[in-house]
Every structure is written in structure tokens, then in C-alpha cells.
């Protein structure tokens, strides 16, 4: 079965490109509210599930033990741009656990935010692990390891107690098996597991409502939601989609980009979880697709809808700033 078009790219009045994929919306009981395409095919959620991966950090008491702030909890679920505030916050988390950047096993890369990368290059410095867009998640893993009285060395390995706790949370919240036969290695070196879109959407519906979660886990999910709503910049960065969207909707939505065209969202007041996968891995298409789904299901007043409009249809401009086309959901 060929998947439907989730987003199309126009130039002038002509459709220049099309992005196909699958999308699903479910409630916290797993009831399907909307479905399009081959949703049963397992996909790697990658960074989209960082909020679920962060649940053990809260549930274990590690966040309380080290006095992690809301901003630091938000960073633990982030895919950040490597801007100074992101780097400083990750380092602060490590120092609270008595550690430093040398403990991070995520690898180093230039900040994904272009201004931050240019500033770092201009300073003459080389990028380090703190600049990695996953450094907040990894700082959280180090804190969890230390709180469990485990050596953080090797915390990225599947057999390490940290990754065992993360895998348990992923299985419990999504309801999908996370076995070695569906395991891959993520860009930041931790295990990632391929699961069907309905399981991802269910996980986000549960994150957004606490329904189907034990009390302590539901409390941890609520704390994470409050942290990201209070600090949307920390979750992504300047002009990034998650930051812009949660800046408009606040607590009404929690969204998280993955990689390779995956996007997930929770709409807490509606009790819904959303998951999208674009076949060609296009991030621009996944953003428009998740934005269009949110606009379809979430009631908005006129002012909010106007502020949200650029998030459900992206304007394309050339190097002179002239509008040349759009990325939009198909009419």
C-alpha cells in the first residue's frame, strides 16, 4: 500500500514536491481517532521519546536528590540547538551530581543552531559533548546513574542499569515490546527501538494525561509537561519548531521531534496522542503534518489560530527574502 501525501511543496501555483507517510491519533485507551497510511510498520522514534526516557530520572528520586530545576528537567527531554543557555544548563546538571562533561558519552558535534555554531567557530574553540543536541538527555542519564549508585561509565550500553530502566519505561508507557530484534543505535549512541506508530501515539496520550500510568509515573509525566511548557526555549532553541509551537500553545500541547521524519505530540486536554512518520525522512514535512493534525483537533480561538497558522503551513523564501512557495498539508 502506498502511503498518502502528508505534505506538499509548492512553487508559485504548482506542486513541486510531495512527501508521503503515515499518521495516527489515539486516545489514552488506545482508541483510534484518526489514521492514515501504513501505521502498523515499526519505526524508530529516535529523539521523539525523550520525555519517556526521562521518566526514570524523576521516578527514581534523582531529580529531587540533585535539586534539578524545571529548566534542567526540560533540558533532559530536549533536542537543543547548542546555544549557550543549553550548554550551561547541561553542565550545571552534571555538576550537581559531582560530575563534568568528561562523563558524557553522546559524542561531540557542532551546535545545530547556526548562530551558535558560528559563534563557537569564531571563538576558535572546538565543539564538545556539551554542544551535542542530546547532552541534556545524557546529563540526565548521568544523574540517574549516580543516584542509583552505579558507575556512569558505559551508561549508553543496553545492559547498563540506566538503559534497562529506560527500556522498561518505554515498554510500559507505549505498550510495545522493545526487544533486541528491533534495536538499533541512535545518533547519540544509546539504544533505540522500532515500534509501530499507534504505540508511539498511545505513549504520548498517556504522557499527556497520566491515564494508564501508575501514580508515581503519572506524577513524573505531569512534572515533565510543566517543565517543558515553562521552558519551551530549552527544549529546542531559537526559531526551532517545538519552541515556537509550545510558545503559542503552552500547556495545551507537548510536541517532540524525532529524526528521519518522525514527530509526536500530546494534547492533554483532549486526552490525545499523535504520531507522524514521513517515508522520506523529511523534517519539514513532519513539522507541517503534525501542525496540521494539531490544528484539526485542538480548538483555538481566533487569535491563537492566527498565531498558529505559520506552524501548520511553512512559507518558503529565496535568498532575497521573496516568498516562492509553501510547505502545506494537501488540500
C-alpha atoms as a PDB file:
ATOM      1  CA  UNK A   1       0.000   0.000   0.000  1.00  0.00           C
ATOM      2  CA  UNK A   2       1.372   3.408  -0.970  1.00  0.00           C
ATOM      3  CA  UNK A   3       1.187   5.886   1.868  1.00  0.00           C
ATOM      4  CA  UNK A   4      -0.790   9.101   1.373  1.00  0.00           C
ATOM      5  CA  UNK A   5       0.755  12.512   0.828  1.00  0.00           C
ATOM      6  CA  UNK A   6       1.206  14.199   4.222  1.00  0.00           C
ATOM      7  CA  UNK A   7       2.766  17.396   2.900  1.00  0.00           C
ATOM      8  CA  UNK A   8       3.265  19.037  -0.463  1.00  0.00           C
ATOM      9  CA  UNK A   9       5.709  21.715  -1.515  1.00  0.00           C
ATOM     10  CA  UNK A  10       4.563  24.433  -3.881  1.00  0.00           C
ATOM     11  CA  UNK A  11       6.489  26.835  -6.074  1.00  0.00           C
ATOM     12  CA  UNK A  12       4.172  29.522  -7.359  1.00  0.00           C
ATOM     13  CA  UNK A  13       0.876  27.775  -8.009  1.00  0.00           C
ATOM     14  CA  UNK A  14       2.439  24.421  -8.903  1.00  0.00           C
ATOM     15  CA  UNK A  15       3.099  21.486  -6.569  1.00  0.00           C
ATOM     16  CA  UNK A  16       6.831  20.844  -6.905  1.00  0.00           C
ATOM     17  CA  UNK A  17       7.342  18.001  -4.402  1.00  0.00           C
ATOM     18  CA  UNK A  18       5.279  15.606  -2.308  1.00  0.00           C
ATOM     19  CA  UNK A  19       6.105  13.856   0.961  1.00  0.00           C
ATOM     20  CA  UNK A  20       4.278  10.616   1.732  1.00  0.00           C
ATOM     21  CA  UNK A  21       3.923   8.976   5.099  1.00  0.00           C
ATOM     22  CA  UNK A  22       1.655   7.693   7.838  1.00  0.00           C
ATOM     23  CA  UNK A  23      -0.069   9.383  10.764  1.00  0.00           C
ATOM     24  CA  UNK A  24      -2.287   8.349  13.649  1.00  0.00           C
ATOM     25  CA  UNK A  25      -4.180   9.927  16.538  1.00  0.00           C
ATOM     26  CA  UNK A  26      -5.270   7.797  19.511  1.00  0.00           C
ATOM     27  CA  UNK A  27      -6.805   8.359  22.936  1.00  0.00           C
ATOM     28  CA  UNK A  28      -5.238   7.194  26.200  1.00  0.00           C
ATOM     29  CA  UNK A  29      -7.067   3.855  25.964  1.00  0.00           C
ATOM     30  CA  UNK A  30      -5.581   3.236  22.536  1.00  0.00           C
ATOM     31  CA  UNK A  31      -8.771   4.012  20.652  1.00  0.00           C
ATOM     32  CA  UNK A  32      -8.047   5.234  17.139  1.00  0.00           C
ATOM     33  CA  UNK A  33      -9.437   8.703  16.428  1.00  0.00           C
ATOM     34  CA  UNK A  34      -7.679   9.205  13.077  1.00  0.00           C
ATOM     35  CA  UNK A  35      -5.415   7.070  10.934  1.00  0.00           C
ATOM     36  CA  UNK A  36      -3.766   7.487   7.537  1.00  0.00           C
ATOM     37  CA  UNK A  37      -1.311   5.227   5.781  1.00  0.00           C
ATOM     38  CA  UNK A  38       0.538   2.125   6.902  1.00  0.00           C
ATOM     39  CA  UNK A  39       0.639   2.880  10.628  1.00  0.00           C
ATOM     40  CA  UNK A  40       1.500  -0.663  11.694  1.00  0.00           C
ATOM     41  CA  UNK A  41       5.017  -0.612  10.291  1.00  0.00           C
ATOM     42  CA  UNK A  42       7.635  -0.294  13.074  1.00  0.00           C
ATOM     43  CA  UNK A  43       9.611   2.957  13.000  1.00  0.00           C
ATOM     44  CA  UNK A  44      12.477   4.267  15.089  1.00  0.00           C
ATOM     45  CA  UNK A  45      11.125   7.192  17.145  1.00  0.00           C
ATOM     46  CA  UNK A  46      14.640   8.405  17.907  1.00  0.00           C
ATOM     47  CA  UNK A  47      14.515  11.659  19.928  1.00  0.00           C
ATOM     48  CA  UNK A  48      10.721  11.872  19.902  1.00  0.00           C
ATOM     49  CA  UNK A  49      10.520   9.664  23.025  1.00  0.00           C
ATOM     50  CA  UNK A  50      12.971  11.602  25.195  1.00  0.00           C
ATOM     51  CA  UNK A  51      10.202  12.521  27.654  1.00  0.00           C
ATOM     52  CA  UNK A  52       9.516   8.815  28.237  1.00  0.00           C
ATOM     53  CA  UNK A  53      13.243   8.140  28.535  1.00  0.00           C
ATOM     54  CA  UNK A  54      13.411  10.847  31.229  1.00  0.00           C
ATOM     55  CA  UNK A  55      10.707   9.309  33.423  1.00  0.00           C
ATOM     56  CA  UNK A  56      13.182   7.167  35.445  1.00  0.00           C
ATOM     57  CA  UNK A  57      15.164  10.324  36.270  1.00  0.00           C
ATOM     58  CA  UNK A  58      12.076  11.677  38.048  1.00  0.00           C
ATOM     59  CA  UNK A  59      10.626   8.442  39.441  1.00  0.00           C
ATOM     60  CA  UNK A  60      13.922   7.308  40.961  1.00  0.00           C
ATOM     61  CA  UNK A  61      14.173  10.453  43.067  1.00  0.00           C
ATOM     62  CA  UNK A  62      17.356  11.508  41.251  1.00  0.00           C
ATOM     63  CA  UNK A  63      15.867  14.832  40.147  1.00  0.00           C
ATOM     64  CA  UNK A  64      14.902  15.621  43.745  1.00  0.00           C
ATOM     65  CA  UNK A  65      18.185  14.355  45.176  1.00  0.00           C
ATOM     66  CA  UNK A  66      20.200  16.718  42.967  1.00  0.00           C
ATOM     67  CA  UNK A  67      17.713  19.581  43.099  1.00  0.00           C
ATOM     68  CA  UNK A  68      17.172  19.694  39.348  1.00  0.00           C
ATOM     69  CA  UNK A  69      15.291  22.807  38.290  1.00  0.00           C
ATOM     70  CA  UNK A  70      12.395  22.948  35.845  1.00  0.00           C
ATOM     71  CA  UNK A  71      14.784  24.191  33.166  1.00  0.00           C
ATOM     72  CA  UNK A  72      17.148  21.276  33.809  1.00  0.00           C
ATOM     73  CA  UNK A  73      14.286  18.778  33.608  1.00  0.00           C
ATOM     74  CA  UNK A  74      13.191  20.402  30.343  1.00  0.00           C
ATOM     75  CA  UNK A  75      16.744  20.017  29.027  1.00  0.00           C
ATOM     76  CA  UNK A  76      16.680  16.302  29.855  1.00  0.00           C
ATOM     77  CA  UNK A  77      13.973  15.848  27.188  1.00  0.00           C
ATOM     78  CA  UNK A  78      15.429  18.314  24.694  1.00  0.00           C
ATOM     79  CA  UNK A  79      16.998  18.154  21.259  1.00  0.00           C
ATOM     80  CA  UNK A  80      18.620  21.523  21.703  1.00  0.00           C
ATOM     81  CA  UNK A  81      20.413  23.875  19.344  1.00  0.00           C
ATOM     82  CA  UNK A  82      23.610  24.060  21.378  1.00  0.00           C
ATOM     83  CA  UNK A  83      23.108  27.693  22.352  1.00  0.00           C
ATOM     84  CA  UNK A  84      24.972  28.994  25.421  1.00  0.00           C
ATOM     85  CA  UNK A  85      22.000  28.522  27.761  1.00  0.00           C
ATOM     86  CA  UNK A  86      21.654  24.895  26.686  1.00  0.00           C
ATOM     87  CA  UNK A  87      25.339  24.198  27.238  1.00  0.00           C
ATOM     88  CA  UNK A  88      25.378  25.945  30.613  1.00  0.00           C
ATOM     89  CA  UNK A  89      22.293  24.086  31.806  1.00  0.00           C
ATOM     90  CA  UNK A  90      23.718  20.678  30.853  1.00  0.00           C
ATOM     91  CA  UNK A  91      26.956  21.457  32.688  1.00  0.00           C
ATOM     92  CA  UNK A  92      25.011  22.601  35.766  1.00  0.00           C
ATOM     93  CA  UNK A  93      23.159  19.266  35.840  1.00  0.00           C
ATOM     94  CA  UNK A  94      26.411  17.317  35.752  1.00  0.00           C
ATOM     95  CA  UNK A  95      27.984  19.419  38.494  1.00  0.00           C
ATOM     96  CA  UNK A  96      25.017  18.766  40.776  1.00  0.00           C
ATOM     97  CA  UNK A  97      25.846  15.063  40.526  1.00  0.00           C
ATOM     98  CA  UNK A  98      29.535  15.779  41.152  1.00  0.00           C
ATOM     99  CA  UNK A  99      30.493  15.094  37.541  1.00  0.00           C
ATOM    100  CA  UNK A 100      31.675  17.014  34.482  1.00  0.00           C
ATOM    101  CA  UNK A 101      31.418  16.880  30.694  1.00  0.00           C
ATOM    102  CA  UNK A 102      34.002  14.087  30.592  1.00  0.00           C
ATOM    103  CA  UNK A 103      31.239  11.697  31.700  1.00  0.00           C
ATOM    104  CA  UNK A 104      29.103  12.333  28.624  1.00  0.00           C
ATOM    105  CA  UNK A 105      29.086   9.509  26.069  1.00  0.00           C
ATOM    106  CA  UNK A 106      26.923  11.175  23.416  1.00  0.00           C
ATOM    107  CA  UNK A 107      29.802  12.302  21.206  1.00  0.00           C
ATOM    108  CA  UNK A 108      30.622  15.816  20.024  1.00  0.00           C
ATOM    109  CA  UNK A 109      29.266  17.807  17.113  1.00  0.00           C
ATOM    110  CA  UNK A 110      28.908  21.433  16.137  1.00  0.00           C
ATOM    111  CA  UNK A 111      25.780  23.134  17.530  1.00  0.00           C
ATOM    112  CA  UNK A 112      22.824  22.534  15.224  1.00  0.00           C
ATOM    113  CA  UNK A 113      21.838  26.172  15.680  1.00  0.00           C
ATOM    114  CA  UNK A 114      23.760  28.095  13.010  1.00  0.00           C
ATOM    115  CA  UNK A 115      24.389  31.274  15.095  1.00  0.00           C
ATOM    116  CA  UNK A 116      25.694  29.151  17.981  1.00  0.00           C
ATOM    117  CA  UNK A 117      27.936  27.173  15.602  1.00  0.00           C
ATOM    118  CA  UNK A 118      29.295  30.367  14.050  1.00  0.00           C
ATOM    119  CA  UNK A 119      29.984  31.880  17.471  1.00  0.00           C
ATOM    120  CA  UNK A 120      31.814  28.764  18.610  1.00  0.00           C
ATOM    121  CA  UNK A 121      33.903  28.686  15.430  1.00  0.00           C
ATOM    122  CA  UNK A 122      34.702  32.386  15.751  1.00  0.00           C
ATOM    123  CA  UNK A 123      35.949  31.822  19.289  1.00  0.00           C
ATOM    124  CA  UNK A 124      38.439  29.273  17.995  1.00  0.00           C
ATOM    125  CA  UNK A 125      37.045  26.522  20.190  1.00  0.00           C
ATOM    126  CA  UNK A 126      36.224  23.006  19.052  1.00  0.00           C
ATOM    127  CA  UNK A 127      32.795  21.500  19.726  1.00  0.00           C
ATOM    128  CA  UNK A 128      32.476  19.183  22.709  1.00  0.00           C
ATOM    129  CA  UNK A 129      29.890  16.793  24.074  1.00  0.00           C
ATOM    130  CA  UNK A 130      28.019  19.651  25.770  1.00  0.00           C
ATOM    131  CA  UNK A 131      27.270  21.059  22.302  1.00  0.00           C
ATOM    132  CA  UNK A 132      25.632  17.789  21.270  1.00  0.00           C
ATOM    133  CA  UNK A 133      21.883  18.279  20.884  1.00  0.00           C
ATOM    134  CA  UNK A 134      21.367  15.283  23.210  1.00  0.00           C
ATOM    135  CA  UNK A 135      23.660  16.485  26.010  1.00  0.00           C
ATOM    136  CA  UNK A 136      20.712  17.310  28.279  1.00  0.00           C
ATOM    137  CA  UNK A 137      19.309  13.801  27.987  1.00  0.00           C
ATOM    138  CA  UNK A 138      22.741  12.355  28.645  1.00  0.00           C
ATOM    139  CA  UNK A 139      23.307  14.643  31.628  1.00  0.00           C
ATOM    140  CA  UNK A 140      20.041  13.230  32.967  1.00  0.00           C
ATOM    141  CA  UNK A 141      21.332   9.691  32.418  1.00  0.00           C
ATOM    142  CA  UNK A 142      24.499  10.521  34.357  1.00  0.00           C
ATOM    143  CA  UNK A 143      22.410  11.949  37.210  1.00  0.00           C
ATOM    144  CA  UNK A 144      20.238   8.831  37.242  1.00  0.00           C
ATOM    145  CA  UNK A 145      23.267   6.552  37.276  1.00  0.00           C
ATOM    146  CA  UNK A 146      24.846   8.408  40.169  1.00  0.00           C
ATOM    147  CA  UNK A 147      21.572   8.435  42.138  1.00  0.00           C
ATOM    148  CA  UNK A 148      21.362   4.655  41.679  1.00  0.00           C
ATOM    149  CA  UNK A 149      24.955   4.384  42.992  1.00  0.00           C
ATOM    150  CA  UNK A 150      26.023   2.954  39.652  1.00  0.00           C
ATOM    151  CA  UNK A 151      29.185   3.818  37.766  1.00  0.00           C
ATOM    152  CA  UNK A 152      28.043   6.055  34.898  1.00  0.00           C
ATOM    153  CA  UNK A 153      30.758   4.680  32.621  1.00  0.00           C
ATOM    154  CA  UNK A 154      29.061   2.789  29.811  1.00  0.00           C
ATOM    155  CA  UNK A 155      25.610   4.185  30.599  1.00  0.00           C
ATOM    156  CA  UNK A 156      24.800   4.115  26.861  1.00  0.00           C
ATOM    157  CA  UNK A 157      25.089   0.305  26.686  1.00  0.00           C
ATOM    158  CA  UNK A 158      21.874  -1.754  26.604  1.00  0.00           C
ATOM    159  CA  UNK A 159      22.880  -3.778  29.678  1.00  0.00           C
ATOM    160  CA  UNK A 160      23.636  -0.755  31.884  1.00  0.00           C
ATOM    161  CA  UNK A 161      21.057  -0.225  34.656  1.00  0.00           C
ATOM    162  CA  UNK A 162      20.214   3.215  33.237  1.00  0.00           C
ATOM    163  CA  UNK A 163      19.267   1.823  29.836  1.00  0.00           C
ATOM    164  CA  UNK A 164      17.427  -1.061  31.452  1.00  0.00           C
ATOM    165  CA  UNK A 165      15.317   1.458  33.381  1.00  0.00           C
ATOM    166  CA  UNK A 166      14.740   3.482  30.209  1.00  0.00           C
ATOM    167  CA  UNK A 167      13.741   0.405  28.248  1.00  0.00           C
ATOM    168  CA  UNK A 168      11.291  -0.588  30.983  1.00  0.00           C
ATOM    169  CA  UNK A 169       9.673   2.844  30.901  1.00  0.00           C
ATOM    170  CA  UNK A 170       9.392   2.766  27.105  1.00  0.00           C
ATOM    171  CA  UNK A 171       7.729  -0.641  27.131  1.00  0.00           C
ATOM    172  CA  UNK A 172       5.320   0.227  29.934  1.00  0.00           C
ATOM    173  CA  UNK A 173       4.221   3.586  28.525  1.00  0.00           C
ATOM    174  CA  UNK A 174       3.913   2.630  24.852  1.00  0.00           C
ATOM    175  CA  UNK A 175       2.684  -0.908  25.446  1.00  0.00           C
ATOM    176  CA  UNK A 176       5.079  -2.189  22.758  1.00  0.00           C
ATOM    177  CA  UNK A 177       7.855  -4.728  23.157  1.00  0.00           C
ATOM    178  CA  UNK A 178      11.351  -3.250  22.947  1.00  0.00           C
ATOM    179  CA  UNK A 179      13.376  -6.359  22.208  1.00  0.00           C
ATOM    180  CA  UNK A 180      16.873  -6.777  20.766  1.00  0.00           C
ATOM    181  CA  UNK A 181      15.431  -7.828  17.403  1.00  0.00           C
ATOM    182  CA  UNK A 182      14.092  -4.269  16.949  1.00  0.00           C
ATOM    183  CA  UNK A 183      17.001  -2.419  18.499  1.00  0.00           C
ATOM    184  CA  UNK A 184      19.288  -0.015  16.689  1.00  0.00           C
ATOM    185  CA  UNK A 185      21.855   2.507  17.913  1.00  0.00           C
ATOM    186  CA  UNK A 186      20.808   6.146  17.947  1.00  0.00           C
ATOM    187  CA  UNK A 187      22.960   9.049  16.830  1.00  0.00           C
ATOM    188  CA  UNK A 188      23.917   9.720  20.452  1.00  0.00           C
ATOM    189  CA  UNK A 189      24.900   6.047  20.986  1.00  0.00           C
ATOM    190  CA  UNK A 190      22.017   4.843  23.185  1.00  0.00           C
ATOM    191  CA  UNK A 191      19.687   2.022  22.095  1.00  0.00           C
ATOM    192  CA  UNK A 192      16.653   2.969  20.011  1.00  0.00           C
ATOM    193  CA  UNK A 193      13.786   0.580  19.330  1.00  0.00           C
ATOM    194  CA  UNK A 194      11.475   0.388  16.312  1.00  0.00           C
ATOM    195  CA  UNK A 195       7.791   0.346  17.309  1.00  0.00           C
ATOM    196  CA  UNK A 196       4.531   0.959  15.410  1.00  0.00           C
ATOM    197  CA  UNK A 197       3.051   4.458  15.255  1.00  0.00           C
ATOM    198  CA  UNK A 198      -0.037   3.508  17.341  1.00  0.00           C
ATOM    199  CA  UNK A 199       2.286   2.626  20.243  1.00  0.00           C
ATOM    200  CA  UNK A 200       4.062   5.987  19.975  1.00  0.00           C
ATOM    201  CA  UNK A 201       0.757   7.851  19.866  1.00  0.00           C
ATOM    202  CA  UNK A 202      -0.512   5.860  22.865  1.00  0.00           C
ATOM    203  CA  UNK A 203       2.649   6.707  24.784  1.00  0.00           C
ATOM    204  CA  UNK A 204       2.088  10.405  24.155  1.00  0.00           C
ATOM    205  CA  UNK A 205      -1.594  10.186  25.088  1.00  0.00           C
ATOM    206  CA  UNK A 206      -0.546   8.615  28.384  1.00  0.00           C
ATOM    207  CA  UNK A 207       2.205  11.190  28.894  1.00  0.00           C
ATOM    208  CA  UNK A 208      -0.335  13.945  28.342  1.00  0.00           C
ATOM    209  CA  UNK A 209      -2.972  12.600  30.697  1.00  0.00           C
ATOM    210  CA  UNK A 210      -1.361  10.163  33.123  1.00  0.00           C
ATOM    211  CA  UNK A 211      -4.157   7.755  32.234  1.00  0.00           C
ATOM    212  CA  UNK A 212      -2.986   4.152  32.369  1.00  0.00           C
ATOM    213  CA  UNK A 213       0.161   5.067  34.317  1.00  0.00           C
ATOM    214  CA  UNK A 214       0.830   4.232  37.991  1.00  0.00           C
ATOM    215  CA  UNK A 215       0.579   7.259  40.313  1.00  0.00           C
ATOM    216  CA  UNK A 216       4.308   7.992  40.591  1.00  0.00           C
ATOM    217  CA  UNK A 217       4.780   7.727  36.838  1.00  0.00           C
ATOM    218  CA  UNK A 218       1.763   9.940  36.165  1.00  0.00           C
ATOM    219  CA  UNK A 219       3.198  12.487  38.607  1.00  0.00           C
ATOM    220  CA  UNK A 220       6.558  12.369  36.818  1.00  0.00           C
ATOM    221  CA  UNK A 221       4.875  12.859  33.438  1.00  0.00           C
ATOM    222  CA  UNK A 222       2.981  15.892  34.763  1.00  0.00           C
ATOM    223  CA  UNK A 223       6.222  17.369  36.118  1.00  0.00           C
ATOM    224  CA  UNK A 224       7.911  16.961  32.726  1.00  0.00           C
ATOM    225  CA  UNK A 225       4.958  18.552  30.919  1.00  0.00           C
ATOM    226  CA  UNK A 226       5.022  21.518  33.290  1.00  0.00           C
ATOM    227  CA  UNK A 227       8.781  21.926  32.821  1.00  0.00           C
ATOM    228  CA  UNK A 228       8.670  21.995  29.017  1.00  0.00           C
ATOM    229  CA  UNK A 229       5.663  24.336  28.996  1.00  0.00           C
ATOM    230  CA  UNK A 230       7.551  26.731  31.260  1.00  0.00           C
ATOM    231  CA  UNK A 231      10.782  26.498  29.237  1.00  0.00           C
ATOM    232  CA  UNK A 232       9.995  25.857  25.561  1.00  0.00           C
ATOM    233  CA  UNK A 233      13.269  27.501  24.517  1.00  0.00           C
ATOM    234  CA  UNK A 234      15.229  24.886  26.443  1.00  0.00           C
ATOM    235  CA  UNK A 235      13.510  22.017  24.598  1.00  0.00           C
ATOM    236  CA  UNK A 236      14.790  23.162  21.194  1.00  0.00           C
ATOM    237  CA  UNK A 237      16.054  26.719  20.691  1.00  0.00           C
ATOM    238  CA  UNK A 238      15.792  29.939  18.725  1.00  0.00           C
ATOM    239  CA  UNK A 239      13.317  29.656  15.815  1.00  0.00           C
ATOM    240  CA  UNK A 240      13.001  25.871  16.283  1.00  0.00           C
ATOM    241  CA  UNK A 241       9.605  24.304  15.647  1.00  0.00           C
ATOM    242  CA  UNK A 242       8.987  22.761  19.103  1.00  0.00           C
ATOM    243  CA  UNK A 243       9.929  26.007  20.820  1.00  0.00           C
ATOM    244  CA  UNK A 244       7.687  28.071  18.560  1.00  0.00           C
ATOM    245  CA  UNK A 245       4.717  25.712  18.834  1.00  0.00           C
ATOM    246  CA  UNK A 246       4.812  25.352  22.606  1.00  0.00           C
ATOM    247  CA  UNK A 247       5.380  29.089  22.871  1.00  0.00           C
ATOM    248  CA  UNK A 248       1.998  29.558  21.195  1.00  0.00           C
ATOM    249  CA  UNK A 249       0.063  26.729  22.873  1.00  0.00           C
ATOM    250  CA  UNK A 250       1.771  26.419  26.247  1.00  0.00           C
ATOM    251  CA  UNK A 251       0.404  23.551  28.351  1.00  0.00           C
ATOM    252  CA  UNK A 252      -2.192  22.726  25.703  1.00  0.00           C
ATOM    253  CA  UNK A 253       0.344  20.757  23.664  1.00  0.00           C
ATOM    254  CA  UNK A 254       3.610  18.917  24.121  1.00  0.00           C
ATOM    255  CA  UNK A 255       5.457  18.194  20.874  1.00  0.00           C
ATOM    256  CA  UNK A 256       8.750  16.479  20.237  1.00  0.00           C
ATOM    257  CA  UNK A 257      10.705  15.997  17.060  1.00  0.00           C
ATOM    258  CA  UNK A 258      12.437  12.728  16.401  1.00  0.00           C
ATOM    259  CA  UNK A 259      14.624  12.194  13.358  1.00  0.00           C
ATOM    260  CA  UNK A 260      14.044  10.894   9.848  1.00  0.00           C
ATOM    261  CA  UNK A 261      10.586  12.430   9.597  1.00  0.00           C
ATOM    262  CA  UNK A 262       9.142  11.347  12.961  1.00  0.00           C
ATOM    263  CA  UNK A 263       7.066  13.748  15.063  1.00  0.00           C
ATOM    264  CA  UNK A 264       4.917  13.099  18.121  1.00  0.00           C
ATOM    265  CA  UNK A 265       2.580  15.235  20.195  1.00  0.00           C
ATOM    266  CA  UNK A 266       0.287  15.114  23.214  1.00  0.00           C
ATOM    267  CA  UNK A 267      -2.892  17.188  23.553  1.00  0.00           C
ATOM    268  CA  UNK A 268      -3.581  16.814  27.292  1.00  0.00           C
ATOM    269  CA  UNK A 269      -6.996  18.481  27.480  1.00  0.00           C
ATOM    270  CA  UNK A 270      -8.296  16.208  24.721  1.00  0.00           C
ATOM    271  CA  UNK A 271      -6.523  13.106  26.011  1.00  0.00           C
ATOM    272  CA  UNK A 272      -4.972  12.503  22.591  1.00  0.00           C
ATOM    273  CA  UNK A 273      -1.579  11.347  21.348  1.00  0.00           C
ATOM    274  CA  UNK A 274      -0.365  11.998  17.794  1.00  0.00           C
ATOM    275  CA  UNK A 275       2.413  10.343  15.798  1.00  0.00           C
ATOM    276  CA  UNK A 276       3.699  11.006  12.284  1.00  0.00           C
ATOM    277  CA  UNK A 277       6.343   9.340  10.114  1.00  0.00           C
ATOM    278  CA  UNK A 278       7.328  10.711   6.703  1.00  0.00           C
ATOM    279  CA  UNK A 279       8.625   7.994   4.394  1.00  0.00           C
ATOM    280  CA  UNK A 280      11.481  10.073   3.023  1.00  0.00           C
ATOM    281  CA  UNK A 281      12.632  11.287   6.441  1.00  0.00           C
ATOM    282  CA  UNK A 282      11.862  14.940   5.682  1.00  0.00           C
ATOM    283  CA  UNK A 283      11.688  17.060   8.809  1.00  0.00           C
ATOM    284  CA  UNK A 284       9.967  19.947   7.039  1.00  0.00           C
ATOM    285  CA  UNK A 285       7.131  17.620   6.043  1.00  0.00           C
ATOM    286  CA  UNK A 286       6.814  16.103   9.527  1.00  0.00           C
ATOM    287  CA  UNK A 287       6.503  19.566  11.077  1.00  0.00           C
ATOM    288  CA  UNK A 288       3.695  20.565   8.729  1.00  0.00           C
ATOM    289  CA  UNK A 289       1.956  17.209   9.172  1.00  0.00           C
ATOM    290  CA  UNK A 290       1.969  17.360  12.975  1.00  0.00           C
ATOM    291  CA  UNK A 291       0.931  21.026  12.865  1.00  0.00           C
ATOM    292  CA  UNK A 292      -1.981  20.234  10.553  1.00  0.00           C
ATOM    293  CA  UNK A 293      -3.146  17.439  12.862  1.00  0.00           C
ATOM    294  CA  UNK A 294      -2.990  19.697  15.910  1.00  0.00           C
ATOM    295  CA  UNK A 295      -4.917  22.413  14.067  1.00  0.00           C
ATOM    296  CA  UNK A 296      -7.523  19.826  13.056  1.00  0.00           C
ATOM    297  CA  UNK A 297      -8.201  18.515  16.554  1.00  0.00           C
ATOM    298  CA  UNK A 298      -7.335  21.273  19.039  1.00  0.00           C
ATOM    299  CA  UNK A 299      -9.946  24.035  19.384  1.00  0.00           C
ATOM    300  CA  UNK A 300      -8.375  27.502  19.149  1.00  0.00           C
ATOM    301  CA  UNK A 301      -9.744  30.987  19.417  1.00  0.00           C
ATOM    302  CA  UNK A 302      -9.186  33.392  16.543  1.00  0.00           C
ATOM    303  CA  UNK A 303      -6.030  34.945  17.975  1.00  0.00           C
ATOM    304  CA  UNK A 304      -4.426  31.590  18.757  1.00  0.00           C
ATOM    305  CA  UNK A 305      -5.304  30.188  15.351  1.00  0.00           C
ATOM    306  CA  UNK A 306      -3.687  33.202  13.680  1.00  0.00           C
ATOM    307  CA  UNK A 307      -0.531  32.739  15.759  1.00  0.00           C
ATOM    308  CA  UNK A 308      -0.541  29.025  14.989  1.00  0.00           C
ATOM    309  CA  UNK A 309      -1.031  29.374  11.219  1.00  0.00           C
ATOM    310  CA  UNK A 310       2.723  29.555  10.350  1.00  0.00           C
ATOM    311  CA  UNK A 311       3.186  26.256  12.216  1.00  0.00           C
ATOM    312  CA  UNK A 312       0.767  24.335  10.016  1.00  0.00           C
ATOM    313  CA  UNK A 313       1.924  25.813   6.696  1.00  0.00           C
ATOM    314  CA  UNK A 314       5.515  26.941   6.211  1.00  0.00           C
ATOM    315  CA  UNK A 315       6.453  29.795   3.878  1.00  0.00           C
ATOM    316  CA  UNK A 316       9.475  29.220   1.633  1.00  0.00           C
ATOM    317  CA  UNK A 317      11.643  32.215   0.725  1.00  0.00           C
ATOM    318  CA  UNK A 318      14.597  32.573  -1.599  1.00  0.00           C
ATOM    319  CA  UNK A 319      17.914  34.211  -0.733  1.00  0.00           C
ATOM    320  CA  UNK A 320      16.419  37.674  -1.351  1.00  0.00           C
ATOM    321  CA  UNK A 321      13.623  37.024   1.121  1.00  0.00           C
ATOM    322  CA  UNK A 322      10.983  36.716  -1.604  1.00  0.00           C
ATOM    323  CA  UNK A 323       8.208  34.219  -0.930  1.00  0.00           C
ATOM    324  CA  UNK A 324       8.474  31.485  -3.570  1.00  0.00           C
ATOM    325  CA  UNK A 325       6.268  28.716  -2.217  1.00  0.00           C
ATOM    326  CA  UNK A 326       4.884  26.854   0.758  1.00  0.00           C
ATOM    327  CA  UNK A 327       5.053  23.537   2.569  1.00  0.00           C
ATOM    328  CA  UNK A 328       1.463  22.617   3.380  1.00  0.00           C
ATOM    329  CA  UNK A 329      -0.879  19.752   4.094  1.00  0.00           C
ATOM    330  CA  UNK A 330      -2.566  18.597   0.874  1.00  0.00           C
ATOM    331  CA  UNK A 331      -5.885  20.256   0.118  1.00  0.00           C
END
